[in-house]
Structures are given as C-alpha cells and as structure tokens.
Amino acid sequence: MNIAQLETFLELSDCLNVTETAARMNCTQPAVSARIRGLEQSLDAPLFDRIGKRMHLTANGILFLDYARKAVGALQEASEHLRQMDDPLAGTIRFGASNFTGIYLMPAFLGRYRQAAPDLEFELEIASSAQLLAELDTAKLEFLILSDHIAVDERRYQCRHICNDEMVLVVPPAHPLATVSSATLTDLSQDVFLMKPPPSASRSFLLDRIQGDDSSLGRVMHISSTEAIKQGVLHGLGISVLSRFVVAQELADGRLKEVPMTLRPFRRGIRAINLRDKLLTPAASEFLKRLVESGGRAEALPWAAEGAPGRPPYPR
C-alpha cells in the first residue's frame, strides 16, 4: 500500500469514474486501475463493484474510506508542518467557517493578515457545521470558525473564544417599527419575518432566544442565504434579525434601521475549534494566536497599527 494508491482510491470514490479520476490525477486509465488493484490486493478485499455501467463502493470500500482520508490527511499535514518549521508565516492554512463567519467576519482579517504574510496561502471552506466538523475529524481541515451556539464535545475539541456577535432587528427606514423605542415579539409578528429554513444554527439561536417556534413570528418566509435575507429587508420584502457584522455598512449609511428589542439579548460567541489530539501546523497555530488576541478585528492586528503592510518581527 502506498500514498498514490490511497489518493487514487479517494478520487475514484468521489467521482466513481475511472476516466475522470485519470484526468484529475494526470495519469492514464490503466494506471488508475492498476493502483486500485494493488490496493485491493494489499487489503485482501474488493473496494469497488460494477453494476451495469455504474461503479459503486463495496461495504469494504465504504468502511475503508474514512481510514484512507485520515491517512492521506495526516501525511499532507505532516508535510505542511515540516515545510513551515522555519517560517510560521508561510505555507498553506486549510480551515472551515460557517456561512456567516466565512463571508462577513474572516475576509477582512485574512486580507490584512496576508499583507504581513505574503507567502501564506489560505484555503477556506464555507459549509454547514455538521459537514465542517466531519472534515475536521478526517484532517481535511485544521480548524473551524463557528458560533458557540454549535454544541461540540469540549473533551474532544479545543475551543477558543474570538469575539462576540450581536444580532439586531433591522427594518427599512420607512417601516413603522423604525420609529419605536423598542419592539416586542408581537411587533415582530405583524410583518413578514425573513429567516433561514431548518437546519440552521442562526435559526436555532433565534428561536431559542424568543423561546418559541415559527408560529411565534407570524408570517415567516424562509430564505437559505443570509445575504439574500439582508437584500430582502432592504427591498421591503420583510424584516429580520441579523448579525451586526452582516448589516454594519447598511446601518452606517442609513439604508437599514436598527430597532431595539424587549426580548432576551441576541448575543452569541464566535470561537475557533480544533481537535485536541492533533498538532496544529506552525502557520495555523500562529494565525489562531493572532486571531484570538485581536478579537477577529483586522485593525487590531499588531502590525496593522504600523500603518503600512510589511512582515512583522517573529521571534525565532
């Protein structure tokens, strides 16, 4: 068994097509078939079946898939770790984030960080928390940036608080609620309320705070994109409760109006999550240290205050 066989197995299990696998790996179809045969012989187990014109993973293949992912991930991680030993501001950092944190929180920080670390590359995956945790477990990702409303086993995962996120009720400036001193749950139910459909962490957080369900909000319109919900409020489609990070610009320029609420505070924490029993690469470790110390704010990076891009001093 060798790494080429494992990588070929993973590619073939993803697309279930020898021709496509060969193209992805820049090799011939016979080479793909030979690697899979060699892997099956070393395991003494069939990994694929052909049923008609379609290829499928066998029960053995399904069982072996997670082990192969972990093995390839561990080798890639070890190689990256060694490459970064001399310089924690170089190499590649692979991490995941929820839709909210990946779109509205991380880009400004990443942009500022790369000014000081031009040799550092980022691979950011935005997906559901369940998918991200699965990829963290198989070493495809080094760490995650998620809301603390996502429950995780802290015996298995190390969690580090980055910042707090306040969710606010927003309406168009001409909306009747724009002039009230505070809004109640009854007020929220008088208009169409825009929110994500299940399963959604922000939806669960919201319903937990109002201690109710969809019916408590009256007429609800489900929209799967946070950005689309914001655009819906801007164009008079309804009202919503969104992160202050999401609507900061629109509140600043007057296109949206924040309405205080009499409900429980809509605050949640944002945290970094990584496996306790896995060693972070030097680049990831340094990045998380800076992220936590700055509270996720690009302007709070130590070298941001210097007023010009440049590589910060790093103690050897």
C-alpha atoms as a PDB file:
ATOM      1  CA  MET A   1       0.000   0.000   0.000  1.00  0.00           C
ATOM      2  CA  ASN A   2       1.310   3.462  -0.900  1.00  0.00           C
ATOM      3  CA  ILE A   3       0.152   7.075  -0.918  1.00  0.00           C
ATOM      4  CA  ALA A   4      -0.546   7.074  -4.676  1.00  0.00           C
ATOM      5  CA  GLN A   5      -2.928   4.153  -4.236  1.00  0.00           C
ATOM      6  CA  LEU A   6      -4.737   5.883  -1.389  1.00  0.00           C
ATOM      7  CA  GLU A   7      -5.035   9.177  -3.270  1.00  0.00           C
ATOM      8  CA  THR A   8      -6.354   7.357  -6.335  1.00  0.00           C
ATOM      9  CA  PHE A   9      -8.859   5.471  -4.180  1.00  0.00           C
ATOM     10  CA  LEU A  10     -10.138   8.743  -2.719  1.00  0.00           C
ATOM     11  CA  GLU A  11     -10.506  10.367  -6.135  1.00  0.00           C
ATOM     12  CA  LEU A  12     -12.269   7.326  -7.591  1.00  0.00           C
ATOM     13  CA  SER A  13     -14.591   7.025  -4.591  1.00  0.00           C
ATOM     14  CA  ASP A  14     -15.550  10.675  -5.134  1.00  0.00           C
ATOM     15  CA  CYS A  15     -16.415  10.552  -8.834  1.00  0.00           C
ATOM     16  CA  LEU A  16     -16.848   6.762  -9.391  1.00  0.00           C
ATOM     17  CA  ASN A  17     -15.433   7.110 -12.875  1.00  0.00           C
ATOM     18  CA  VAL A  18     -12.015   5.808 -13.970  1.00  0.00           C
ATOM     19  CA  THR A  19     -11.727   8.235 -16.896  1.00  0.00           C
ATOM     20  CA  GLU A  20     -12.436  11.271 -14.713  1.00  0.00           C
ATOM     21  CA  THR A  21     -10.100  10.009 -11.986  1.00  0.00           C
ATOM     22  CA  ALA A  22      -7.283   9.645 -14.507  1.00  0.00           C
ATOM     23  CA  ALA A  23      -7.876  13.216 -15.722  1.00  0.00           C
ATOM     24  CA  ARG A  24      -7.915  14.575 -12.165  1.00  0.00           C
ATOM     25  CA  MET A  25      -4.661  12.804 -11.304  1.00  0.00           C
ATOM     26  CA  ASN A  26      -2.971  13.483 -14.632  1.00  0.00           C
ATOM     27  CA  CYS A  27      -2.301   9.812 -15.297  1.00  0.00           C
ATOM     28  CA  THR A  28      -3.612   7.058 -17.580  1.00  0.00           C
ATOM     29  CA  GLN A  29      -6.720   4.953 -17.028  1.00  0.00           C
ATOM     30  CA  PRO A  30      -4.621   1.741 -16.818  1.00  0.00           C
ATOM     31  CA  ALA A  31      -2.556   3.409 -14.069  1.00  0.00           C
ATOM     32  CA  VAL A  32      -5.733   4.146 -12.095  1.00  0.00           C
ATOM     33  CA  SER A  33      -6.924   0.555 -12.481  1.00  0.00           C
ATOM     34  CA  ALA A  34      -3.505  -0.837 -11.501  1.00  0.00           C
ATOM     35  CA  ARG A  35      -3.365   1.272  -8.345  1.00  0.00           C
ATOM     36  CA  ILE A  36      -6.833   0.190  -7.266  1.00  0.00           C
ATOM     37  CA  ARG A  37      -6.000  -3.478  -7.962  1.00  0.00           C
ATOM     38  CA  GLY A  38      -2.800  -3.161  -5.944  1.00  0.00           C
ATOM     39  CA  LEU A  39      -4.663  -1.570  -3.046  1.00  0.00           C
ATOM     40  CA  GLU A  40      -7.353  -4.257  -3.087  1.00  0.00           C
ATOM     41  CA  GLN A  41      -4.695  -6.978  -3.143  1.00  0.00           C
ATOM     42  CA  SER A  42      -2.853  -5.451  -0.180  1.00  0.00           C
ATOM     43  CA  LEU A  43      -6.121  -5.228   1.765  1.00  0.00           C
ATOM     44  CA  ASP A  44      -7.355  -8.601   0.502  1.00  0.00           C
ATOM     45  CA  ALA A  45     -10.764  -7.003  -0.011  1.00  0.00           C
ATOM     46  CA  PRO A  46     -12.720  -5.624  -3.007  1.00  0.00           C
ATOM     47  CA  LEU A  47     -13.313  -1.888  -2.752  1.00  0.00           C
ATOM     48  CA  PHE A  48     -15.471  -1.266  -5.846  1.00  0.00           C
ATOM     49  CA  ASP A  49     -18.259  -3.078  -7.662  1.00  0.00           C
ATOM     50  CA  ARG A  50     -19.545  -2.516 -11.171  1.00  0.00           C
ATOM     51  CA  ILE A  51     -23.321  -2.793 -11.512  1.00  0.00           C
ATOM     52  CA  GLY A  52     -24.259  -2.323 -15.131  1.00  0.00           C
ATOM     53  CA  LYS A  53     -22.330   0.676 -16.376  1.00  0.00           C
ATOM     54  CA  ARG A  54     -22.021   2.248 -12.947  1.00  0.00           C
ATOM     55  CA  MET A  55     -19.299   1.846 -10.338  1.00  0.00           C
ATOM     56  CA  HIS A  56     -20.104   1.637  -6.615  1.00  0.00           C
ATOM     57  CA  LEU A  57     -18.153   1.338  -3.372  1.00  0.00           C
ATOM     58  CA  THR A  58     -18.484  -2.038  -1.709  1.00  0.00           C
ATOM     59  CA  ALA A  59     -19.176  -2.337   2.016  1.00  0.00           C
ATOM     60  CA  ASN A  60     -15.401  -2.761   2.430  1.00  0.00           C
ATOM     61  CA  GLY A  61     -14.800   0.385   0.374  1.00  0.00           C
ATOM     62  CA  ILE A  62     -17.229   2.425   2.472  1.00  0.00           C
ATOM     63  CA  LEU A  63     -15.542   1.216   5.665  1.00  0.00           C
ATOM     64  CA  PHE A  64     -12.051   1.942   4.321  1.00  0.00           C
ATOM     65  CA  LEU A  65     -12.946   5.428   3.066  1.00  0.00           C
ATOM     66  CA  ASP A  66     -12.589   7.224   6.410  1.00  0.00           C
ATOM     67  CA  TYR A  67      -9.282   5.475   7.142  1.00  0.00           C
ATOM     68  CA  ALA A  68      -7.923   6.490   3.742  1.00  0.00           C
ATOM     69  CA  ARG A  69      -8.978  10.104   4.268  1.00  0.00           C
ATOM     70  CA  LYS A  70      -7.309  10.221   7.667  1.00  0.00           C
ATOM     71  CA  ALA A  71      -4.117   8.601   6.364  1.00  0.00           C
ATOM     72  CA  VAL A  72      -3.774  10.952   3.390  1.00  0.00           C
ATOM     73  CA  GLY A  73      -4.740  13.941   5.531  1.00  0.00           C
ATOM     74  CA  ALA A  74      -2.152  13.053   8.160  1.00  0.00           C
ATOM     75  CA  LEU A  75       0.622  12.750   5.558  1.00  0.00           C
ATOM     76  CA  GLN A  76      -0.319  16.066   3.960  1.00  0.00           C
ATOM     77  CA  GLU A  77      -0.457  17.703   7.371  1.00  0.00           C
ATOM     78  CA  ALA A  78       2.946  16.314   8.350  1.00  0.00           C
ATOM     79  CA  SER A  79       4.493  17.548   5.097  1.00  0.00           C
ATOM     80  CA  GLU A  80       2.983  21.002   5.586  1.00  0.00           C
ATOM     81  CA  HIS A  81       4.118  21.118   9.206  1.00  0.00           C
ATOM     82  CA  LEU A  82       7.723  20.340   8.265  1.00  0.00           C
ATOM     83  CA  ARG A  83       7.616  22.935   5.489  1.00  0.00           C
ATOM     84  CA  GLN A  84       6.508  25.607   7.965  1.00  0.00           C
ATOM     85  CA  MET A  85       9.022  24.836  10.721  1.00  0.00           C
ATOM     86  CA  ASP A  86      11.378  27.630   9.665  1.00  0.00           C
ATOM     87  CA  ASP A  87       8.648  30.186   8.957  1.00  0.00           C
ATOM     88  CA  PRO A  88       5.148  30.195  10.502  1.00  0.00           C
ATOM     89  CA  LEU A  89       4.119  32.975   8.129  1.00  0.00           C
ATOM     90  CA  ALA A  90       4.469  30.789   5.047  1.00  0.00           C
ATOM     91  CA  GLY A  91       2.784  27.678   3.713  1.00  0.00           C
ATOM     92  CA  THR A  92      -0.915  26.841   3.483  1.00  0.00           C
ATOM     93  CA  ILE A  93      -3.673  27.012   6.099  1.00  0.00           C
ATOM     94  CA  ARG A  94      -6.806  24.970   5.441  1.00  0.00           C
ATOM     95  CA  PHE A  95      -9.779  25.810   7.623  1.00  0.00           C
ATOM     96  CA  GLY A  96     -13.545  25.951   7.580  1.00  0.00           C
ATOM     97  CA  ALA A  97     -16.174  28.505   8.575  1.00  0.00           C
ATOM     98  CA  SER A  98     -19.919  28.812   8.717  1.00  0.00           C
ATOM     99  CA  ASN A  99     -21.715  30.929   6.132  1.00  0.00           C
ATOM    100  CA  PHE A 100     -21.802  33.927   8.467  1.00  0.00           C
ATOM    101  CA  THR A 101     -18.227  33.808   9.774  1.00  0.00           C
ATOM    102  CA  GLY A 102     -16.761  32.840   6.398  1.00  0.00           C
ATOM    103  CA  ILE A 103     -18.430  35.665   4.486  1.00  0.00           C
ATOM    104  CA  TYR A 104     -18.753  38.529   6.966  1.00  0.00           C
ATOM    105  CA  LEU A 105     -16.039  38.077   9.589  1.00  0.00           C
ATOM    106  CA  MET A 106     -12.975  36.391   8.089  1.00  0.00           C
ATOM    107  CA  PRO A 107     -12.283  38.136   4.727  1.00  0.00           C
ATOM    108  CA  ALA A 108     -11.111  41.447   6.236  1.00  0.00           C
ATOM    109  CA  PHE A 109      -8.897  39.653   8.742  1.00  0.00           C
ATOM    110  CA  LEU A 110      -7.429  37.348   6.077  1.00  0.00           C
ATOM    111  CA  GLY A 111      -6.726  40.274   3.777  1.00  0.00           C
ATOM    112  CA  ARG A 112      -4.886  42.192   6.475  1.00  0.00           C
ATOM    113  CA  TYR A 113      -3.004  39.118   7.662  1.00  0.00           C
ATOM    114  CA  ARG A 114      -1.725  38.351   4.171  1.00  0.00           C
ATOM    115  CA  GLN A 115      -0.273  41.839   3.869  1.00  0.00           C
ATOM    116  CA  ALA A 116       2.205  40.796   6.547  1.00  0.00           C
ATOM    117  CA  ALA A 117       2.459  37.190   5.334  1.00  0.00           C
ATOM    118  CA  PRO A 118       2.504  37.320   1.505  1.00  0.00           C
ATOM    119  CA  ASP A 119       3.943  33.788   1.331  1.00  0.00           C
ATOM    120  CA  LEU A 120       0.985  32.340   3.227  1.00  0.00           C
ATOM    121  CA  GLU A 121      -1.918  30.770   1.341  1.00  0.00           C
ATOM    122  CA  PHE A 122      -5.423  30.188   2.700  1.00  0.00           C
ATOM    123  CA  GLU A 123      -7.946  27.544   1.697  1.00  0.00           C
ATOM    124  CA  LEU A 124     -11.291  28.447   3.282  1.00  0.00           C
ATOM    125  CA  GLU A 125     -14.283  26.115   3.069  1.00  0.00           C
ATOM    126  CA  ILE A 126     -17.728  27.506   3.835  1.00  0.00           C
ATOM    127  CA  ALA A 127     -20.285  24.824   4.658  1.00  0.00           C
ATOM    128  CA  SER A 128     -22.716  23.585   7.292  1.00  0.00           C
ATOM    129  CA  SER A 129     -21.334  22.989  10.781  1.00  0.00           C
ATOM    130  CA  ALA A 130     -22.018  19.240  10.504  1.00  0.00           C
ATOM    131  CA  GLN A 131     -20.028  18.966   7.269  1.00  0.00           C
ATOM    132  CA  LEU A 132     -17.186  21.074   8.634  1.00  0.00           C
ATOM    133  CA  LEU A 133     -16.884  19.007  11.821  1.00  0.00           C
ATOM    134  CA  ALA A 134     -16.761  15.833   9.720  1.00  0.00           C
ATOM    135  CA  GLU A 135     -13.916  17.285   7.635  1.00  0.00           C
ATOM    136  CA  LEU A 136     -12.103  18.429  10.773  1.00  0.00           C
ATOM    137  CA  ASP A 137     -12.285  14.864  12.103  1.00  0.00           C
ATOM    138  CA  THR A 138     -10.678  13.488   8.926  1.00  0.00           C
ATOM    139  CA  ALA A 139      -7.864  16.094   8.948  1.00  0.00           C
ATOM    140  CA  LYS A 140      -9.060  17.746   5.735  1.00  0.00           C
ATOM    141  CA  LEU A 141      -9.309  20.977   7.743  1.00  0.00           C
ATOM    142  CA  GLU A 142      -7.080  22.152  10.604  1.00  0.00           C
ATOM    143  CA  PHE A 143      -9.602  24.252  12.498  1.00  0.00           C
ATOM    144  CA  LEU A 144     -13.065  25.811  12.233  1.00  0.00           C
ATOM    145  CA  ILE A 145     -14.571  29.232  12.970  1.00  0.00           C
ATOM    146  CA  LEU A 146     -18.118  28.704  14.281  1.00  0.00           C
ATOM    147  CA  SER A 147     -20.714  30.197  16.577  1.00  0.00           C
ATOM    148  CA  ASP A 148     -20.694  28.895  20.138  1.00  0.00           C
ATOM    149  CA  HIS A 149     -24.348  28.011  19.584  1.00  0.00           C
ATOM    150  CA  ILE A 150     -22.972  24.925  17.822  1.00  0.00           C
ATOM    151  CA  ALA A 151     -22.595  22.316  20.550  1.00  0.00           C
ATOM    152  CA  VAL A 152     -19.340  20.324  20.469  1.00  0.00           C
ATOM    153  CA  ASP A 153     -17.697  17.891  22.874  1.00  0.00           C
ATOM    154  CA  GLU A 154     -15.026  20.037  24.546  1.00  0.00           C
ATOM    155  CA  ARG A 155     -13.230  16.916  25.728  1.00  0.00           C
ATOM    156  CA  ARG A 156     -12.558  16.135  22.065  1.00  0.00           C
ATOM    157  CA  TYR A 157     -12.260  19.670  20.670  1.00  0.00           C
ATOM    158  CA  GLN A 158     -10.299  22.661  21.900  1.00  0.00           C
ATOM    159  CA  CYS A 159     -12.459  25.801  21.727  1.00  0.00           C
ATOM    160  CA  ARG A 160     -11.051  29.335  21.838  1.00  0.00           C
ATOM    161  CA  HIS A 161     -13.262  32.412  22.093  1.00  0.00           C
ATOM    162  CA  ILE A 162     -12.607  35.019  19.399  1.00  0.00           C
ATOM    163  CA  CYS A 163     -15.326  37.645  19.762  1.00  0.00           C
ATOM    164  CA  ASN A 164     -18.998  38.235  20.492  1.00  0.00           C
ATOM    165  CA  ASP A 165     -21.624  38.668  17.815  1.00  0.00           C
ATOM    166  CA  GLU A 166     -24.771  40.700  18.466  1.00  0.00           C
ATOM    167  CA  MET A 167     -27.838  40.038  16.367  1.00  0.00           C
ATOM    168  CA  VAL A 168     -30.126  43.024  15.784  1.00  0.00           C
ATOM    169  CA  LEU A 169     -33.622  43.613  14.434  1.00  0.00           C
ATOM    170  CA  VAL A 170     -33.382  45.535  11.163  1.00  0.00           C
ATOM    171  CA  VAL A 171     -36.102  47.200   9.111  1.00  0.00           C
ATOM    172  CA  PRO A 172     -36.179  49.659   6.185  1.00  0.00           C
ATOM    173  CA  PRO A 173     -36.048  53.338   7.272  1.00  0.00           C
ATOM    174  CA  ALA A 174     -39.698  53.916   6.250  1.00  0.00           C
ATOM    175  CA  HIS A 175     -41.002  50.884   8.189  1.00  0.00           C
ATOM    176  CA  PRO A 176     -43.442  51.624  11.086  1.00  0.00           C
ATOM    177  CA  LEU A 177     -41.092  49.935  13.562  1.00  0.00           C
ATOM    178  CA  ALA A 178     -38.223  52.283  12.597  1.00  0.00           C
ATOM    179  CA  THR A 179     -39.526  54.941  14.977  1.00  0.00           C
ATOM    180  CA  VAL A 180     -40.482  52.835  18.024  1.00  0.00           C
ATOM    181  CA  SER A 181     -38.372  52.862  21.179  1.00  0.00           C
ATOM    182  CA  SER A 182     -38.392  49.058  21.407  1.00  0.00           C
ATOM    183  CA  ALA A 183     -40.071  46.147  19.642  1.00  0.00           C
ATOM    184  CA  THR A 184     -41.855  43.183  21.222  1.00  0.00           C
ATOM    185  CA  LEU A 185     -42.443  39.695  19.851  1.00  0.00           C
ATOM    186  CA  THR A 186     -45.947  40.823  18.907  1.00  0.00           C
ATOM    187  CA  ASP A 187     -44.450  43.664  16.857  1.00  0.00           C
ATOM    188  CA  LEU A 188     -42.252  41.165  15.000  1.00  0.00           C
ATOM    189  CA  SER A 189     -45.297  39.077  14.087  1.00  0.00           C
ATOM    190  CA  GLN A 190     -47.038  41.993  12.330  1.00  0.00           C
ATOM    191  CA  ASP A 191     -44.847  41.755   9.225  1.00  0.00           C
ATOM    192  CA  VAL A 192     -43.257  39.009   7.155  1.00  0.00           C
ATOM    193  CA  PHE A 193     -40.256  37.719   9.083  1.00  0.00           C
ATOM    194  CA  LEU A 194     -37.320  36.557   6.946  1.00  0.00           C
ATOM    195  CA  MET A 195     -35.240  33.711   8.349  1.00  0.00           C
ATOM    196  CA  LYS A 196     -33.264  30.659   7.300  1.00  0.00           C
ATOM    197  CA  PRO A 197     -35.021  27.293   6.979  1.00  0.00           C
ATOM    198  CA  PRO A 198     -34.004  24.340   9.171  1.00  0.00           C
ATOM    199  CA  PRO A 199     -31.387  23.114   9.800  1.00  0.00           C
ATOM    200  CA  SER A 200     -29.637  26.401  10.525  1.00  0.00           C
ATOM    201  CA  ALA A 201     -27.584  27.413  13.562  1.00  0.00           C
ATOM    202  CA  SER A 202     -28.685  31.055  13.344  1.00  0.00           C
ATOM    203  CA  ARG A 203     -32.322  29.972  13.081  1.00  0.00           C
ATOM    204  CA  SER A 204     -31.995  27.716  16.150  1.00  0.00           C
ATOM    205  CA  PHE A 205     -30.283  30.537  18.051  1.00  0.00           C
ATOM    206  CA  LEU A 206     -33.078  32.961  17.168  1.00  0.00           C
ATOM    207  CA  LEU A 207     -35.902  30.600  18.126  1.00  0.00           C
ATOM    208  CA  ASP A 208     -34.117  29.763  21.367  1.00  0.00           C
ATOM    209  CA  ARG A 209     -33.991  33.456  22.268  1.00  0.00           C
ATOM    210  CA  ILE A 210     -37.684  34.083  21.595  1.00  0.00           C
ATOM    211  CA  GLN A 211     -38.500  30.771  23.323  1.00  0.00           C
ATOM    212  CA  GLY A 212     -40.929  29.820  20.608  1.00  0.00           C
ATOM    213  CA  ASP A 213     -41.202  28.487  17.081  1.00  0.00           C
ATOM    214  CA  ASP A 214     -42.043  29.797  13.616  1.00  0.00           C
ATOM    215  CA  SER A 215     -45.655  30.462  14.632  1.00  0.00           C
ATOM    216  CA  SER A 216     -44.477  32.947  17.278  1.00  0.00           C
ATOM    217  CA  LEU A 217     -43.202  35.147  14.450  1.00  0.00           C
ATOM    218  CA  GLY A 218     -46.427  35.152  12.467  1.00  0.00           C
ATOM    219  CA  ARG A 219     -45.786  35.098   8.738  1.00  0.00           C
ATOM    220  CA  VAL A 220     -42.383  33.582   8.054  1.00  0.00           C
ATOM    221  CA  MET A 221     -40.542  33.462   4.744  1.00  0.00           C
ATOM    222  CA  HIS A 222     -37.637  31.041   4.569  1.00  0.00           C
ATOM    223  CA  ILE A 223     -34.560  32.133   2.621  1.00  0.00           C
ATOM    224  CA  SER A 224     -31.437  29.959   2.732  1.00  0.00           C
ATOM    225  CA  SER A 225     -28.909  32.788   2.220  1.00  0.00           C
ATOM    226  CA  THR A 226     -28.026  35.412   4.837  1.00  0.00           C
ATOM    227  CA  GLU A 227     -27.112  37.894   2.114  1.00  0.00           C
ATOM    228  CA  ALA A 228     -30.442  37.283   0.368  1.00  0.00           C
ATOM    229  CA  ILE A 229     -32.272  37.901   3.667  1.00  0.00           C
ATOM    230  CA  LYS A 230     -30.474  41.241   4.022  1.00  0.00           C
ATOM    231  CA  GLN A 231     -31.340  42.178   0.470  1.00  0.00           C
ATOM    232  CA  GLY A 232     -34.943  41.185   1.160  1.00  0.00           C
ATOM    233  CA  VAL A 233     -35.131  43.600   4.107  1.00  0.00           C
ATOM    234  CA  LEU A 234     -33.502  46.357   2.034  1.00  0.00           C
ATOM    235  CA  HIS A 235     -36.153  45.934  -0.660  1.00  0.00           C
ATOM    236  CA  GLY A 236     -39.146  45.789   1.669  1.00  0.00           C
ATOM    237  CA  LEU A 237     -39.774  42.053   1.478  1.00  0.00           C
ATOM    238  CA  GLY A 238     -39.949  41.772   5.267  1.00  0.00           C
ATOM    239  CA  ILE A 239     -37.985  42.298   8.489  1.00  0.00           C
ATOM    240  CA  SER A 240     -35.313  40.158  10.135  1.00  0.00           C
ATOM    241  CA  VAL A 241     -32.831  39.700  12.957  1.00  0.00           C
ATOM    242  CA  LEU A 242     -29.288  39.610  11.565  1.00  0.00           C
ATOM    243  CA  SER A 243     -25.742  39.823  12.879  1.00  0.00           C
ATOM    244  CA  ARG A 244     -24.420  43.341  13.332  1.00  0.00           C
ATOM    245  CA  PHE A 245     -21.399  42.240  11.259  1.00  0.00           C
ATOM    246  CA  VAL A 246     -23.765  41.487   8.364  1.00  0.00           C
ATOM    247  CA  VAL A 247     -25.594  44.845   8.390  1.00  0.00           C
ATOM    248  CA  ALA A 248     -22.862  47.189   9.680  1.00  0.00           C
ATOM    249  CA  GLN A 249     -22.445  49.057   6.389  1.00  0.00           C
ATOM    250  CA  GLU A 250     -26.182  49.387   5.756  1.00  0.00           C
ATOM    251  CA  LEU A 251     -26.775  50.709   9.296  1.00  0.00           C
ATOM    252  CA  ALA A 252     -23.902  53.176   8.909  1.00  0.00           C
ATOM    253  CA  ASP A 253     -25.193  54.621   5.633  1.00  0.00           C
ATOM    254  CA  GLY A 254     -28.843  54.687   6.712  1.00  0.00           C
ATOM    255  CA  ARG A 255     -30.221  52.071   4.323  1.00  0.00           C
ATOM    256  CA  LEU A 256     -31.373  49.977   7.294  1.00  0.00           C
ATOM    257  CA  LYS A 257     -32.629  50.946  10.725  1.00  0.00           C
ATOM    258  CA  GLU A 258     -31.852  49.026  13.932  1.00  0.00           C
ATOM    259  CA  VAL A 259     -34.814  48.581  16.284  1.00  0.00           C
ATOM    260  CA  PRO A 260     -34.137  47.787  19.982  1.00  0.00           C
ATOM    261  CA  MET A 261     -35.965  44.702  21.279  1.00  0.00           C
ATOM    262  CA  THR A 262     -37.523  43.812  24.613  1.00  0.00           C
ATOM    263  CA  LEU A 263     -36.550  40.157  24.118  1.00  0.00           C
ATOM    264  CA  ARG A 264     -33.528  38.403  25.691  1.00  0.00           C
ATOM    265  CA  PRO A 265     -30.164  39.710  24.398  1.00  0.00           C
ATOM    266  CA  PHE A 266     -29.358  38.259  20.992  1.00  0.00           C
ATOM    267  CA  ARG A 267     -25.641  37.709  21.574  1.00  0.00           C
ATOM    268  CA  ARG A 268     -23.539  34.697  20.671  1.00  0.00           C
ATOM    269  CA  GLY A 269     -19.841  33.954  20.795  1.00  0.00           C
ATOM    270  CA  ILE A 270     -17.617  33.175  17.835  1.00  0.00           C
ATOM    271  CA  ARG A 271     -14.871  30.651  18.503  1.00  0.00           C
ATOM    272  CA  ALA A 272     -12.100  28.662  16.874  1.00  0.00           C
ATOM    273  CA  ILE A 273     -12.340  24.870  17.164  1.00  0.00           C
ATOM    274  CA  ASN A 274      -9.642  22.263  16.583  1.00  0.00           C
ATOM    275  CA  LEU A 275      -9.046  18.656  17.607  1.00  0.00           C
ATOM    276  CA  ARG A 276      -7.262  18.397  20.950  1.00  0.00           C
ATOM    277  CA  ASP A 277      -5.208  15.350  19.951  1.00  0.00           C
ATOM    278  CA  LYS A 278      -3.875  16.839  16.696  1.00  0.00           C
ATOM    279  CA  LEU A 279      -0.860  19.121  16.458  1.00  0.00           C
ATOM    280  CA  LEU A 280      -1.576  22.318  14.549  1.00  0.00           C
ATOM    281  CA  THR A 281       0.927  23.376  11.901  1.00  0.00           C
ATOM    282  CA  PRO A 282       3.106  26.368  12.885  1.00  0.00           C
ATOM    283  CA  ALA A 283       1.261  28.621  10.431  1.00  0.00           C
ATOM    284  CA  ALA A 284      -2.173  27.619  11.770  1.00  0.00           C
ATOM    285  CA  SER A 285      -1.033  27.958  15.384  1.00  0.00           C
ATOM    286  CA  GLU A 286       0.360  31.453  14.789  1.00  0.00           C
ATOM    287  CA  PHE A 287      -2.727  32.509  12.834  1.00  0.00           C
ATOM    288  CA  LEU A 288      -5.118  31.374  15.591  1.00  0.00           C
ATOM    289  CA  LYS A 289      -2.992  33.117  18.228  1.00  0.00           C
ATOM    290  CA  ARG A 290      -3.247  36.402  16.301  1.00  0.00           C
ATOM    291  CA  LEU A 291      -6.949  35.874  15.571  1.00  0.00           C
ATOM    292  CA  VAL A 292      -7.841  35.326  19.233  1.00  0.00           C
ATOM    293  CA  GLU A 293      -5.635  38.173  20.502  1.00  0.00           C
ATOM    294  CA  SER A 294      -7.170  40.636  18.036  1.00  0.00           C
ATOM    295  CA  GLY A 295     -10.760  39.558  18.667  1.00  0.00           C
ATOM    296  CA  GLY A 296     -11.171  38.904  14.960  1.00  0.00           C
ATOM    297  CA  ARG A 297     -10.642  42.580  14.089  1.00  0.00           C
ATOM    298  CA  ALA A 298      -8.217  43.224  11.243  1.00  0.00           C
ATOM    299  CA  GLU A 299      -7.351  46.682  12.569  1.00  0.00           C
ATOM    300  CA  ALA A 300      -6.271  45.128  15.885  1.00  0.00           C
ATOM    301  CA  LEU A 301      -3.506  43.021  14.368  1.00  0.00           C
ATOM    302  CA  PRO A 302      -0.179  44.097  15.922  1.00  0.00           C
ATOM    303  CA  TRP A 303       1.304  45.162  12.610  1.00  0.00           C
ATOM    304  CA  ALA A 304      -1.910  46.846  11.383  1.00  0.00           C
ATOM    305  CA  ALA A 305      -1.247  49.779  13.697  1.00  0.00           C
ATOM    306  CA  GLU A 306       2.051  50.467  11.938  1.00  0.00           C
ATOM    307  CA  GLY A 307       0.134  51.943   9.029  1.00  0.00           C
ATOM    308  CA  ALA A 308       1.790  50.012   6.235  1.00  0.00           C
ATOM    309  CA  PRO A 309       1.978  46.436   5.016  1.00  0.00           C
ATOM    310  CA  GLY A 310       5.044  44.508   5.977  1.00  0.00           C
ATOM    311  CA  ARG A 311       6.257  41.368   7.599  1.00  0.00           C
ATOM    312  CA  PRO A 312       6.062  41.622  11.408  1.00  0.00           C
ATOM    313  CA  PRO A 313       9.014  40.558  13.502  1.00  0.00           C
ATOM    314  CA  TYR A 314       8.671  36.961  14.615  1.00  0.00           C
ATOM    315  CA  PRO A 315      10.724  35.504  17.461  1.00  0.00           C
ATOM    316  CA  ARG A 316      12.793  32.551  16.310  1.00  0.00           C
END
